[in-house]
Structure formats: structure tokens, C-alpha cells
N, C-alpha and C. Protein backbone atom coordinates (compact mmCIF):
# COMPACT_ATOMS: atom_id res chain seq x y z
N UNK A 1 0.68 -0.71 0.38
CA UNK A 1 0.24 0.00 0.09
C UNK A 1 1.23 1.17 -0.47
N UNK A 2 0.45 2.24 -0.91
CA UNK A 2 1.24 2.99 -0.68
C UNK A 2 0.23 4.25 0.08
N UNK A 3 2.25 5.09 0.78
CA UNK A 3 1.80 6.04 1.28
C UNK A 3 1.42 7.80 0.71
N UNK A 4 0.21 8.79 1.09
CA UNK A 4 0.15 9.67 0.42
C UNK A 4 -0.17 10.16 1.31
N UNK A 5 0.93 12.12 1.02
CA UNK A 5 0.01 12.40 2.27
C UNK A 5 -0.04 13.76 1.27
N UNK A 6 -0.86 14.78 2.20
CA UNK A 6 -1.10 15.79 0.99
C UNK A 6 -0.74 16.95 1.65
N UNK A 7 -0.72 18.44 0.74
CA UNK A 7 -0.33 19.39 1.48
C UNK A 7 -1.27 19.99 0.94
N UNK A 8 -2.58 20.34 1.47
CA UNK A 8 -3.42 21.64 1.11
C UNK A 8 -3.75 22.37 2.02
N UNK A 9 -4.71 23.66 1.37
CA UNK A 9 -5.16 24.40 2.45
C UNK A 9 -6.61 24.75 1.53
N UNK A 10 -7.98 24.67 1.65
CA UNK A 10 -9.05 24.33 1.44
C UNK A 10 -9.58 25.13 2.06
N UNK A 11 -10.47 26.43 1.61
CA UNK A 11 -10.93 27.20 1.78
C UNK A 11 -12.90 27.16 1.64
N UNK A 12 -13.23 27.41 1.98
CA UNK A 12 -14.94 27.52 2.04
C UNK A 12 -15.49 28.49 2.26
N UNK A 13 -16.27 29.05 1.25
CA UNK A 13 -17.60 29.90 1.55
C UNK A 13 -19.09 29.54 1.76
N UNK A 14 -19.25 30.05 2.48
CA UNK A 14 -20.69 29.59 2.83
C UNK A 14 -21.53 31.36 2.80
N UNK A 15 -22.70 31.31 2.49
CA UNK A 15 -23.47 32.93 2.38
C UNK A 15 -23.25 33.50 4.04
N UNK A 16 -23.56 32.17 4.73
CA UNK A 16 -23.58 33.12 6.70
C UNK A 16 -21.72 32.59 6.89
N UNK A 17 -21.04 33.01 5.93
CA UNK A 17 -19.02 32.55 6.91
C UNK A 17 -18.88 32.27 6.22
N UNK A 18 -17.26 30.96 6.04
CA UNK A 18 -16.24 30.69 5.50
C UNK A 18 -15.69 29.57 6.50
N UNK A 19 -14.75 29.00 7.08
CA UNK A 19 -14.25 27.91 6.58
C UNK A 19 -12.89 27.11 6.07
N UNK A 20 -12.10 27.13 6.78
CA UNK A 20 -10.65 26.30 6.16
C UNK A 20 -10.60 24.73 6.79
N UNK A 21 -9.50 24.26 5.92
CA UNK A 21 -9.16 22.96 5.48
C UNK A 21 -7.85 22.86 5.84
N UNK A 22 -7.32 22.04 6.22
CA UNK A 22 -6.11 21.40 5.79
C UNK A 22 -5.96 19.54 6.14
N UNK A 23 -5.93 18.66 4.97
CA UNK A 23 -5.83 17.92 4.96
C UNK A 23 -5.07 17.58 5.05
N UNK A 24 -4.19 16.15 5.38
CA UNK A 24 -3.07 15.79 5.46
C UNK A 24 -3.07 13.88 4.75
N UNK A 25 -4.43 13.70 3.93
CA UNK A 25 -4.26 12.14 4.31
C UNK A 25 -5.13 12.27 3.19
N UNK A 26 -5.30 11.20 2.15
CA UNK A 26 -6.85 11.00 1.55
C UNK A 26 -8.00 10.42 2.80
N UNK A 27 -7.56 10.07 4.02
CA UNK A 27 -9.05 9.79 4.48
C UNK A 27 -9.28 11.15 4.70
N UNK A 28 -8.45 12.08 5.41
CA UNK A 28 -8.74 13.42 5.64
C UNK A 28 -9.91 13.96 4.60
N UNK A 29 -8.87 14.14 3.85
CA UNK A 29 -9.66 14.83 2.45
C UNK A 29 -11.14 13.83 1.96
N UNK A 30 -11.17 12.89 2.37
CA UNK A 30 -12.43 12.66 1.73
C UNK A 30 -13.63 13.02 3.07
N UNK A 31 -13.31 13.01 4.01
CA UNK A 31 -13.98 13.36 5.09
C UNK A 31 -14.47 14.57 4.84
N UNK A 32 -13.65 15.05 4.56
CA UNK A 32 -13.94 17.23 3.85
C UNK A 32 -15.17 16.37 2.33
N UNK A 33 -14.16 16.23 1.54
CA UNK A 33 -15.40 15.84 0.60
C UNK A 33 -16.83 15.54 1.07
N UNK A 34 -16.95 14.23 1.85
CA UNK A 34 -18.19 13.46 1.74
C UNK A 34 -18.84 14.40 2.19
N UNK A 35 -18.25 15.35 3.61
CA UNK A 35 -19.28 16.47 4.16
C UNK A 35 -20.12 17.60 3.82
N UNK A 36 -19.42 17.68 2.75
CA UNK A 36 -19.26 19.50 1.76
C UNK A 36 -20.37 18.38 0.79
N UNK A 37 -21.13 17.58 -0.28
CA UNK A 37 -21.46 16.65 -0.38
C UNK A 37 -23.16 16.79 -0.20
N UNK A 38 -22.93 16.54 1.52
CA UNK A 38 -23.88 15.79 2.31
C UNK A 38 -24.57 17.10 2.06
N UNK A 39 -24.01 18.23 3.06
CA UNK A 39 -24.46 20.28 3.04
C UNK A 39 -24.77 20.39 1.35
N UNK A 40 -24.38 20.64 0.61
CA UNK A 40 -24.89 20.65 -0.57
C UNK A 40 -25.95 19.76 -1.10
N UNK A 41 -25.46 18.28 -1.14
CA UNK A 41 -26.57 17.61 -2.39
C UNK A 41 -27.71 16.93 -1.12
N UNK A 42 -27.31 17.46 -0.08
CA UNK A 42 -28.33 16.30 0.88
C UNK A 42 -27.68 14.74 1.04
N UNK A 43 -28.13 14.26 1.95
CA UNK A 43 -27.91 12.68 2.53
C UNK A 43 -28.19 11.73 0.81
N UNK A 44 -29.44 11.55 0.87
CA UNK A 44 -28.90 10.49 -0.62
C UNK A 44 -28.59 11.16 -1.85
N UNK A 45 -28.32 11.89 -1.93
CA UNK A 45 -27.70 12.44 -3.37
C UNK A 45 -26.71 12.18 -3.32
N UNK A 46 -25.95 12.44 -1.33
CA UNK A 46 -24.11 12.40 -2.17
C UNK A 46 -24.15 11.02 -1.97
N UNK A 47 -24.77 9.80 -1.67
CA UNK A 47 -24.91 8.75 -1.43
C UNK A 47 -24.94 8.33 -2.83
N UNK A 48 -25.74 8.62 -3.30
CA UNK A 48 -26.08 8.20 -4.75
C UNK A 48 -24.31 8.75 -6.13
N UNK A 49 -24.09 9.98 -4.82
CA UNK A 49 -22.85 10.52 -6.52
C UNK A 49 -22.03 9.19 -5.81
N UNK A 50 -21.72 9.31 -4.77
CA UNK A 50 -20.13 8.29 -4.00
C UNK A 50 -20.38 7.01 -4.94
N UNK A 51 -21.82 6.57 -4.91
CA UNK A 51 -22.09 5.02 -4.92
C UNK A 51 -21.90 5.24 -6.72
N UNK A 52 -21.69 6.05 -6.90
CA UNK A 52 -21.25 5.99 -8.98
C UNK A 52 -20.28 5.92 -9.21
N UNK A 53 -19.27 6.64 -8.06
CA UNK A 53 -18.12 6.53 -8.13
C UNK A 53 -17.32 4.80 -7.79
N UNK A 54 -17.69 4.28 -6.78
CA UNK A 54 -17.33 3.38 -6.47
C UNK A 54 -17.20 2.38 -7.65
N UNK A 55 -18.61 2.32 -8.38
CA UNK A 55 -19.27 1.23 -9.18
C UNK A 55 -18.01 1.68 -10.44
N UNK A 56 -17.74 3.38 -10.87
CA UNK A 56 -16.84 2.89 -11.94
C UNK A 56 -15.51 2.71 -11.52
N UNK A 57 -15.25 2.65 -9.99
CA UNK A 57 -13.28 2.09 -10.03
C UNK A 57 -14.30 0.30 -9.66
N UNK A 58 -14.98 0.05 -9.54
CA UNK A 58 -16.01 -1.92 -9.39
C UNK A 58 -14.93 -2.19 -10.88
N UNK A 59 -15.85 -1.08 -11.87
CA UNK A 59 -15.63 -1.12 -13.58
C UNK A 59 -14.27 -1.68 -14.29
N UNK A 60 -13.73 -0.38 -13.45
CA UNK A 60 -12.12 -0.41 -14.04
C UNK A 60 -11.02 -0.98 -13.74
N UNK A 61 -11.62 -2.12 -12.39
CA UNK A 61 -9.91 -3.03 -11.77
C UNK A 61 -9.31 -1.82 -11.18
N UNK A 62 -9.34 -1.16 -10.49
CA UNK A 62 -9.11 0.15 -9.62
C UNK A 62 -9.51 -0.40 -7.79
N UNK A 63 -10.71 -1.05 -7.79
CA UNK A 63 -10.99 -1.65 -6.69
C UNK A 63 -9.53 -2.86 -5.82
N UNK A 64 -9.27 -2.61 -3.58
CA UNK A 64 -8.50 -3.50 -4.07
C UNK A 64 -9.26 -4.55 -2.70
């Protein structure tokens, strides 16, 4: 398994404020992304979107 580290500054602007994230790993980045999807799309639409990504990767053989 490959070790990946991430150096990023993510700034999110909402109508009522803003927030910043600095993920250091793919897992932390995924949590941020999923949280944003749920806030933007709602739980079921976010789940459907994520399911599409998993399906795509299972077809291309990228699953482990």
C-alpha cells in the first residue's frame, strides 16, 4: 500500500461565513469532501454520487 500525504489549504465560503481545512491524508480529504457533498446535495443524493464513483472504480479494476 502506498503512503500518500497531502498539502492543501481548502477554503469554503458559505452565505453565512467561511471555513478552512488543511487535510493531511486521503482519508481526511475524503471526510471533508463527503461532508461538503452532504451539506450541498443532501444525504441521499451524496450517497448516490459516491455509489457512482465506487461503481466506476469496480468496473475499471481499481478496487482493492
